[in-house]
């Protein structure tokens, strides 16, 4: 581990064994960090969460929850939940959802969700303020390997959502969600754009009208 510690940098992928990854993330200085592991590489994200990141995280979580309530879609949403398959991979998406009949499969408790005994979520979302290229690249590979059905990247700077459907180890761009039937990505993008000038109640009122059309 000493050799890894001498070159350990945050916010970048570093070659490491699984044991080295576990040792690294238990260091006190990384207690509040987001951590990822895939393809024998680790990443520790220490970038501070600014207002725009926090705001867009809240808008997306609220919008999806509202859509599901209005459409009668069962769902369980999780914020910053870690998912681990020991020895192979770990991810901590900003938001994740178990949807429909799988809503009851969402993990509970205080430990990291163990993918040996827990199914992966249907939808994983990363809010990208400083990590856009990585969220579209290596993390996309990670979520493909986790066999999550849908993966969204929210570009904070452009108030844009880049959504992918995942199947058979690969992914393709989509403009309408497949796990949340008929939910247009464009409506969510407009909600993000409105958040630059409107508060969440105003946005919620607008979303309510749009979802009821």
C-alpha atoms as a PDB file:
ATOM      1  CA  UNK A   1       0.000   0.000   0.000  1.00  0.00           C
ATOM      2  CA  UNK A   2       2.921   2.378   0.691  1.00  0.00           C
ATOM      3  CA  UNK A   3       3.853   2.329  -2.987  1.00  0.00           C
ATOM      4  CA  UNK A   4       0.271   3.231  -3.952  1.00  0.00           C
ATOM      5  CA  UNK A   5       0.087   6.000  -1.357  1.00  0.00           C
ATOM      6  CA  UNK A   6       3.132   7.736  -2.798  1.00  0.00           C
ATOM      7  CA  UNK A   7       1.371   8.261  -6.139  1.00  0.00           C
ATOM      8  CA  UNK A   8      -2.256   8.393  -4.976  1.00  0.00           C
ATOM      9  CA  UNK A   9      -4.026  11.349  -6.556  1.00  0.00           C
ATOM     10  CA  UNK A  10      -7.665  12.254  -6.284  1.00  0.00           C
ATOM     11  CA  UNK A  11     -10.073  12.796  -9.183  1.00  0.00           C
ATOM     12  CA  UNK A  12      -8.096  10.526 -11.486  1.00  0.00           C
ATOM     13  CA  UNK A  13      -8.003   6.794 -12.220  1.00  0.00           C
ATOM     14  CA  UNK A  14      -5.056   4.931 -10.667  1.00  0.00           C
ATOM     15  CA  UNK A  15      -4.032   1.292 -11.215  1.00  0.00           C
ATOM     16  CA  UNK A  16      -4.672  -0.671  -8.021  1.00  0.00           C
ATOM     17  CA  UNK A  17      -5.557  -4.112  -6.748  1.00  0.00           C
ATOM     18  CA  UNK A  18      -8.872  -4.569  -4.958  1.00  0.00           C
ATOM     19  CA  UNK A  19      -7.081  -4.813  -1.603  1.00  0.00           C
ATOM     20  CA  UNK A  20      -5.271  -1.537  -2.292  1.00  0.00           C
ATOM     21  CA  UNK A  21      -8.587   0.082  -3.179  1.00  0.00           C
ATOM     22  CA  UNK A  22     -10.181  -1.030   0.082  1.00  0.00           C
ATOM     23  CA  UNK A  23      -7.188   0.226   2.070  1.00  0.00           C
ATOM     24  CA  UNK A  24      -7.251   3.573   0.273  1.00  0.00           C
ATOM     25  CA  UNK A  25     -10.933   4.331   0.786  1.00  0.00           C
ATOM     26  CA  UNK A  26     -10.696   3.577   4.501  1.00  0.00           C
ATOM     27  CA  UNK A  27      -8.086   6.273   5.016  1.00  0.00           C
ATOM     28  CA  UNK A  28      -9.537   9.024   7.282  1.00  0.00           C
ATOM     29  CA  UNK A  29      -8.926  11.749   4.694  1.00  0.00           C
ATOM     30  CA  UNK A  30     -11.266  10.007   2.234  1.00  0.00           C
ATOM     31  CA  UNK A  31     -14.123   9.422   4.641  1.00  0.00           C
ATOM     32  CA  UNK A  32     -16.451  11.777   2.741  1.00  0.00           C
ATOM     33  CA  UNK A  33     -15.121  11.071  -0.755  1.00  0.00           C
ATOM     34  CA  UNK A  34     -16.968   9.353  -3.592  1.00  0.00           C
ATOM     35  CA  UNK A  35     -15.121   6.213  -4.650  1.00  0.00           C
ATOM     36  CA  UNK A  36     -15.122   4.012  -7.748  1.00  0.00           C
ATOM     37  CA  UNK A  37     -13.342   0.835  -8.858  1.00  0.00           C
ATOM     38  CA  UNK A  38     -13.371  -0.937 -12.226  1.00  0.00           C
ATOM     39  CA  UNK A  39     -10.925  -2.718 -14.513  1.00  0.00           C
ATOM     40  CA  UNK A  40      -8.273  -2.815 -11.732  1.00  0.00           C
ATOM     41  CA  UNK A  41      -8.324   0.965 -11.356  1.00  0.00           C
ATOM     42  CA  UNK A  42      -9.567   3.164  -8.526  1.00  0.00           C
ATOM     43  CA  UNK A  43     -10.829   6.723  -8.434  1.00  0.00           C
ATOM     44  CA  UNK A  44     -11.418   8.900  -5.399  1.00  0.00           C
ATOM     45  CA  UNK A  45     -13.445  12.049  -6.042  1.00  0.00           C
ATOM     46  CA  UNK A  46     -12.782  14.891  -3.636  1.00  0.00           C
ATOM     47  CA  UNK A  47     -14.151  17.791  -5.690  1.00  0.00           C
ATOM     48  CA  UNK A  48     -16.383  20.001  -3.507  1.00  0.00           C
ATOM     49  CA  UNK A  49     -20.089  20.003  -4.322  1.00  0.00           C
ATOM     50  CA  UNK A  50     -21.028  23.530  -5.389  1.00  0.00           C
ATOM     51  CA  UNK A  51     -24.498  25.078  -5.468  1.00  0.00           C
ATOM     52  CA  UNK A  52     -25.135  24.218  -9.116  1.00  0.00           C
ATOM     53  CA  UNK A  53     -24.290  20.542  -8.572  1.00  0.00           C
ATOM     54  CA  UNK A  54     -26.458  20.383  -5.460  1.00  0.00           C
ATOM     55  CA  UNK A  55     -29.333  22.232  -7.133  1.00  0.00           C
ATOM     56  CA  UNK A  56     -29.413  20.038 -10.224  1.00  0.00           C
ATOM     57  CA  UNK A  57     -29.152  16.915  -8.098  1.00  0.00           C
ATOM     58  CA  UNK A  58     -32.229  18.073  -6.168  1.00  0.00           C
ATOM     59  CA  UNK A  59     -34.193  19.040  -9.293  1.00  0.00           C
ATOM     60  CA  UNK A  60     -33.596  15.683 -10.990  1.00  0.00           C
ATOM     61  CA  UNK A  61     -34.481  13.672  -7.890  1.00  0.00           C
ATOM     62  CA  UNK A  62     -37.623  15.735  -7.335  1.00  0.00           C
ATOM     63  CA  UNK A  63     -38.717  15.587 -10.990  1.00  0.00           C
ATOM     64  CA  UNK A  64     -38.364  11.810 -11.277  1.00  0.00           C
ATOM     65  CA  UNK A  65     -40.161  11.241  -7.984  1.00  0.00           C
ATOM     66  CA  UNK A  66     -43.004  13.552  -9.020  1.00  0.00           C
ATOM     67  CA  UNK A  67     -43.321  11.818 -12.408  1.00  0.00           C
ATOM     68  CA  UNK A  68     -43.558   8.411 -10.751  1.00  0.00           C
ATOM     69  CA  UNK A  69     -46.162   9.569  -8.241  1.00  0.00           C
ATOM     70  CA  UNK A  70     -48.365  11.063 -10.963  1.00  0.00           C
ATOM     71  CA  UNK A  71     -48.011   8.039 -13.253  1.00  0.00           C
ATOM     72  CA  UNK A  72     -48.443   5.471 -10.487  1.00  0.00           C
ATOM     73  CA  UNK A  73     -44.968   4.012 -11.047  1.00  0.00           C
ATOM     74  CA  UNK A  74     -43.452   2.358  -8.018  1.00  0.00           C
ATOM     75  CA  UNK A  75     -39.929   3.516  -7.270  1.00  0.00           C
ATOM     76  CA  UNK A  76     -37.300   3.712  -4.578  1.00  0.00           C
ATOM     77  CA  UNK A  77     -34.707   6.447  -5.045  1.00  0.00           C
ATOM     78  CA  UNK A  78     -31.298   6.511  -3.375  1.00  0.00           C
ATOM     79  CA  UNK A  79     -28.810   9.385  -3.081  1.00  0.00           C
ATOM     80  CA  UNK A  80     -25.061   8.629  -2.994  1.00  0.00           C
ATOM     81  CA  UNK A  81     -25.561   4.914  -2.350  1.00  0.00           C
ATOM     82  CA  UNK A  82     -22.460   2.769  -2.934  1.00  0.00           C
ATOM     83  CA  UNK A  83     -22.781  -0.500  -4.858  1.00  0.00           C
ATOM     84  CA  UNK A  84     -20.022  -3.098  -4.602  1.00  0.00           C
ATOM     85  CA  UNK A  85     -19.146  -6.396  -6.212  1.00  0.00           C
ATOM     86  CA  UNK A  86     -16.181  -7.487  -4.150  1.00  0.00           C
ATOM     87  CA  UNK A  87     -12.953  -7.788  -6.093  1.00  0.00           C
ATOM     88  CA  UNK A  88     -14.399  -6.394  -9.298  1.00  0.00           C
ATOM     89  CA  UNK A  89     -16.135  -3.043  -9.144  1.00  0.00           C
ATOM     90  CA  UNK A  90     -17.689  -0.349  -7.012  1.00  0.00           C
ATOM     91  CA  UNK A  91     -19.696   2.772  -7.868  1.00  0.00           C
ATOM     92  CA  UNK A  92     -21.386   5.575  -5.978  1.00  0.00           C
ATOM     93  CA  UNK A  93     -23.814   7.347  -8.335  1.00  0.00           C
ATOM     94  CA  UNK A  94     -25.245  10.666  -7.230  1.00  0.00           C
ATOM     95  CA  UNK A  95     -28.754   9.252  -7.700  1.00  0.00           C
ATOM     96  CA  UNK A  96     -30.042   5.736  -8.352  1.00  0.00           C
ATOM     97  CA  UNK A  97     -33.522   4.265  -8.720  1.00  0.00           C
ATOM     98  CA  UNK A  98     -35.176   0.879  -8.440  1.00  0.00           C
ATOM     99  CA  UNK A  99     -38.321   1.085 -10.562  1.00  0.00           C
ATOM    100  CA  UNK A 100     -41.599  -0.781 -10.946  1.00  0.00           C
ATOM    101  CA  UNK A 101     -41.728  -4.288  -9.540  1.00  0.00           C
ATOM    102  CA  UNK A 102     -38.049  -3.917  -8.604  1.00  0.00           C
ATOM    103  CA  UNK A 103     -38.732  -1.000  -6.229  1.00  0.00           C
ATOM    104  CA  UNK A 104     -38.796  -3.417  -3.307  1.00  0.00           C
ATOM    105  CA  UNK A 105     -35.340  -4.745  -4.229  1.00  0.00           C
ATOM    106  CA  UNK A 106     -33.574  -1.538  -3.179  1.00  0.00           C
ATOM    107  CA  UNK A 107     -30.973  -2.244  -0.490  1.00  0.00           C
ATOM    108  CA  UNK A 108     -31.504  -1.174   3.103  1.00  0.00           C
ATOM    109  CA  UNK A 109     -29.241  -0.816   6.119  1.00  0.00           C
ATOM    110  CA  UNK A 110     -26.062   1.145   6.766  1.00  0.00           C
ATOM    111  CA  UNK A 111     -23.559  -0.971   4.827  1.00  0.00           C
ATOM    112  CA  UNK A 112     -22.474  -0.667   1.211  1.00  0.00           C
ATOM    113  CA  UNK A 113     -24.927  -2.451  -1.098  1.00  0.00           C
ATOM    114  CA  UNK A 114     -23.474  -5.862  -1.909  1.00  0.00           C
ATOM    115  CA  UNK A 115     -24.121  -6.764  -5.551  1.00  0.00           C
ATOM    116  CA  UNK A 116     -23.498 -10.416  -4.718  1.00  0.00           C
ATOM    117  CA  UNK A 117     -26.865 -10.480  -2.957  1.00  0.00           C
ATOM    118  CA  UNK A 118     -28.552  -7.268  -4.206  1.00  0.00           C
ATOM    119  CA  UNK A 119     -29.618  -6.483  -7.759  1.00  0.00           C
ATOM    120  CA  UNK A 120     -28.186  -3.328  -9.327  1.00  0.00           C
ATOM    121  CA  UNK A 121     -30.532  -0.345  -9.717  1.00  0.00           C
ATOM    122  CA  UNK A 122     -32.460   0.275 -12.923  1.00  0.00           C
ATOM    123  CA  UNK A 123     -31.228   3.844 -13.305  1.00  0.00           C
ATOM    124  CA  UNK A 124     -27.977   5.499 -12.245  1.00  0.00           C
ATOM    125  CA  UNK A 125     -27.362   9.238 -12.569  1.00  0.00           C
ATOM    126  CA  UNK A 126     -24.131  11.210 -12.250  1.00  0.00           C
ATOM    127  CA  UNK A 127     -24.186  15.004 -11.855  1.00  0.00           C
ATOM    128  CA  UNK A 128     -21.136  16.221 -13.760  1.00  0.00           C
ATOM    129  CA  UNK A 129     -19.768  19.612 -12.748  1.00  0.00           C
ATOM    130  CA  UNK A 130     -16.040  18.898 -13.124  1.00  0.00           C
ATOM    131  CA  UNK A 131     -16.039  15.252 -14.244  1.00  0.00           C
ATOM    132  CA  UNK A 132     -18.016  15.253 -17.496  1.00  0.00           C
ATOM    133  CA  UNK A 133     -15.443  13.479 -19.677  1.00  0.00           C
ATOM    134  CA  UNK A 134     -14.953  10.753 -17.105  1.00  0.00           C
ATOM    135  CA  UNK A 135     -18.691  10.343 -16.486  1.00  0.00           C
ATOM    136  CA  UNK A 136     -19.192   9.812 -20.216  1.00  0.00           C
ATOM    137  CA  UNK A 137     -16.138   7.584 -20.493  1.00  0.00           C
ATOM    138  CA  UNK A 138     -14.793   5.301 -17.809  1.00  0.00           C
ATOM    139  CA  UNK A 139     -17.806   5.516 -15.514  1.00  0.00           C
ATOM    140  CA  UNK A 140     -20.030   4.646 -18.438  1.00  0.00           C
ATOM    141  CA  UNK A 141     -17.966   1.457 -18.831  1.00  0.00           C
ATOM    142  CA  UNK A 142     -18.404   0.783 -15.120  1.00  0.00           C
ATOM    143  CA  UNK A 143     -22.195   1.074 -15.285  1.00  0.00           C
ATOM    144  CA  UNK A 144     -22.282  -1.083 -18.407  1.00  0.00           C
ATOM    145  CA  UNK A 145     -20.419  -3.791 -16.496  1.00  0.00           C
ATOM    146  CA  UNK A 146     -22.832  -3.407 -13.578  1.00  0.00           C
ATOM    147  CA  UNK A 147     -25.652  -4.138 -16.069  1.00  0.00           C
ATOM    148  CA  UNK A 148     -27.693  -1.125 -15.011  1.00  0.00           C
ATOM    149  CA  UNK A 149     -30.517  -0.616 -17.502  1.00  0.00           C
ATOM    150  CA  UNK A 150     -30.155   3.149 -17.907  1.00  0.00           C
ATOM    151  CA  UNK A 151     -27.412   5.688 -17.171  1.00  0.00           C
ATOM    152  CA  UNK A 152     -27.752   9.474 -17.268  1.00  0.00           C
ATOM    153  CA  UNK A 153     -25.062  12.142 -17.081  1.00  0.00           C
ATOM    154  CA  UNK A 154     -26.224  15.647 -16.130  1.00  0.00           C
ATOM    155  CA  UNK A 155     -23.903  18.292 -17.590  1.00  0.00           C
ATOM    156  CA  UNK A 156     -24.153  21.097 -15.017  1.00  0.00           C
ATOM    157  CA  UNK A 157     -22.448  23.686 -17.205  1.00  0.00           C
ATOM    158  CA  UNK A 158     -24.733  23.166 -20.216  1.00  0.00           C
ATOM    159  CA  UNK A 159     -27.850  22.114 -18.244  1.00  0.00           C
ATOM    160  CA  UNK A 160     -27.984  19.072 -20.521  1.00  0.00           C
ATOM    161  CA  UNK A 161     -28.762  15.425 -19.819  1.00  0.00           C
ATOM    162  CA  UNK A 162     -26.943  12.768 -21.817  1.00  0.00           C
ATOM    163  CA  UNK A 163     -28.919   9.557 -21.346  1.00  0.00           C
ATOM    164  CA  UNK A 164     -27.967   6.013 -22.325  1.00  0.00           C
ATOM    165  CA  UNK A 165     -29.841   2.726 -22.449  1.00  0.00           C
ATOM    166  CA  UNK A 166     -27.602  -0.192 -21.510  1.00  0.00           C
ATOM    167  CA  UNK A 167     -28.001  -3.694 -22.893  1.00  0.00           C
ATOM    168  CA  UNK A 168     -25.730  -6.622 -23.744  1.00  0.00           C
ATOM    169  CA  UNK A 169     -22.632  -4.909 -22.362  1.00  0.00           C
ATOM    170  CA  UNK A 170     -23.016  -1.753 -24.429  1.00  0.00           C
ATOM    171  CA  UNK A 171     -24.945   1.512 -24.415  1.00  0.00           C
ATOM    172  CA  UNK A 172     -26.712   3.839 -26.824  1.00  0.00           C
ATOM    173  CA  UNK A 173     -28.066   7.396 -26.593  1.00  0.00           C
ATOM    174  CA  UNK A 174     -31.758   7.862 -25.907  1.00  0.00           C
ATOM    175  CA  UNK A 175     -34.029  10.916 -25.741  1.00  0.00           C
ATOM    176  CA  UNK A 176     -36.905   9.228 -23.906  1.00  0.00           C
ATOM    177  CA  UNK A 177     -36.419   7.038 -20.858  1.00  0.00           C
ATOM    178  CA  UNK A 178     -37.114   3.329 -21.277  1.00  0.00           C
ATOM    179  CA  UNK A 179     -37.250   2.483 -17.573  1.00  0.00           C
ATOM    180  CA  UNK A 180     -39.593   5.434 -16.921  1.00  0.00           C
ATOM    181  CA  UNK A 181     -41.939   5.067 -19.897  1.00  0.00           C
ATOM    182  CA  UNK A 182     -42.710   8.262 -21.831  1.00  0.00           C
ATOM    183  CA  UNK A 183     -40.506  10.467 -19.647  1.00  0.00           C
ATOM    184  CA  UNK A 184     -38.880  12.901 -22.055  1.00  0.00           C
ATOM    185  CA  UNK A 185     -35.300  13.895 -21.318  1.00  0.00           C
ATOM    186  CA  UNK A 186     -36.077  17.281 -22.890  1.00  0.00           C
ATOM    187  CA  UNK A 187     -38.617  18.109 -20.159  1.00  0.00           C
ATOM    188  CA  UNK A 188     -36.023  17.409 -17.486  1.00  0.00           C
ATOM    189  CA  UNK A 189     -33.498  19.587 -19.297  1.00  0.00           C
ATOM    190  CA  UNK A 190     -35.985  22.449 -19.394  1.00  0.00           C
ATOM    191  CA  UNK A 191     -36.573  22.010 -15.664  1.00  0.00           C
ATOM    192  CA  UNK A 192     -32.824  22.387 -15.124  1.00  0.00           C
ATOM    193  CA  UNK A 193     -32.758  25.514 -17.275  1.00  0.00           C
ATOM    194  CA  UNK A 194     -35.706  27.000 -15.380  1.00  0.00           C
ATOM    195  CA  UNK A 195     -33.882  26.419 -12.099  1.00  0.00           C
ATOM    196  CA  UNK A 196     -31.467  29.201 -13.041  1.00  0.00           C
ATOM    197  CA  UNK A 197     -34.275  31.737 -12.572  1.00  0.00           C
ATOM    198  CA  UNK A 198     -37.064  29.938 -10.680  1.00  0.00           C
ATOM    199  CA  UNK A 199     -37.314  28.309  -7.278  1.00  0.00           C
ATOM    200  CA  UNK A 200     -38.220  24.656  -6.805  1.00  0.00           C
ATOM    201  CA  UNK A 201     -41.881  25.346  -6.109  1.00  0.00           C
ATOM    202  CA  UNK A 202     -42.254  27.205  -9.410  1.00  0.00           C
ATOM    203  CA  UNK A 203     -40.465  24.407 -11.241  1.00  0.00           C
ATOM    204  CA  UNK A 204     -42.626  21.805  -9.503  1.00  0.00           C
ATOM    205  CA  UNK A 205     -45.791  23.609 -10.598  1.00  0.00           C
ATOM    206  CA  UNK A 206     -44.551  23.663 -14.190  1.00  0.00           C
ATOM    207  CA  UNK A 207     -43.531  19.988 -14.088  1.00  0.00           C
ATOM    208  CA  UNK A 208     -46.912  19.039 -12.654  1.00  0.00           C
ATOM    209  CA  UNK A 209     -48.662  20.645 -15.632  1.00  0.00           C
ATOM    210  CA  UNK A 210     -46.288  19.022 -18.114  1.00  0.00           C
ATOM    211  CA  UNK A 211     -46.576  15.538 -16.630  1.00  0.00           C
ATOM    212  CA  UNK A 212     -50.382  15.739 -16.583  1.00  0.00           C
ATOM    213  CA  UNK A 213     -50.674  16.527 -20.281  1.00  0.00           C
END
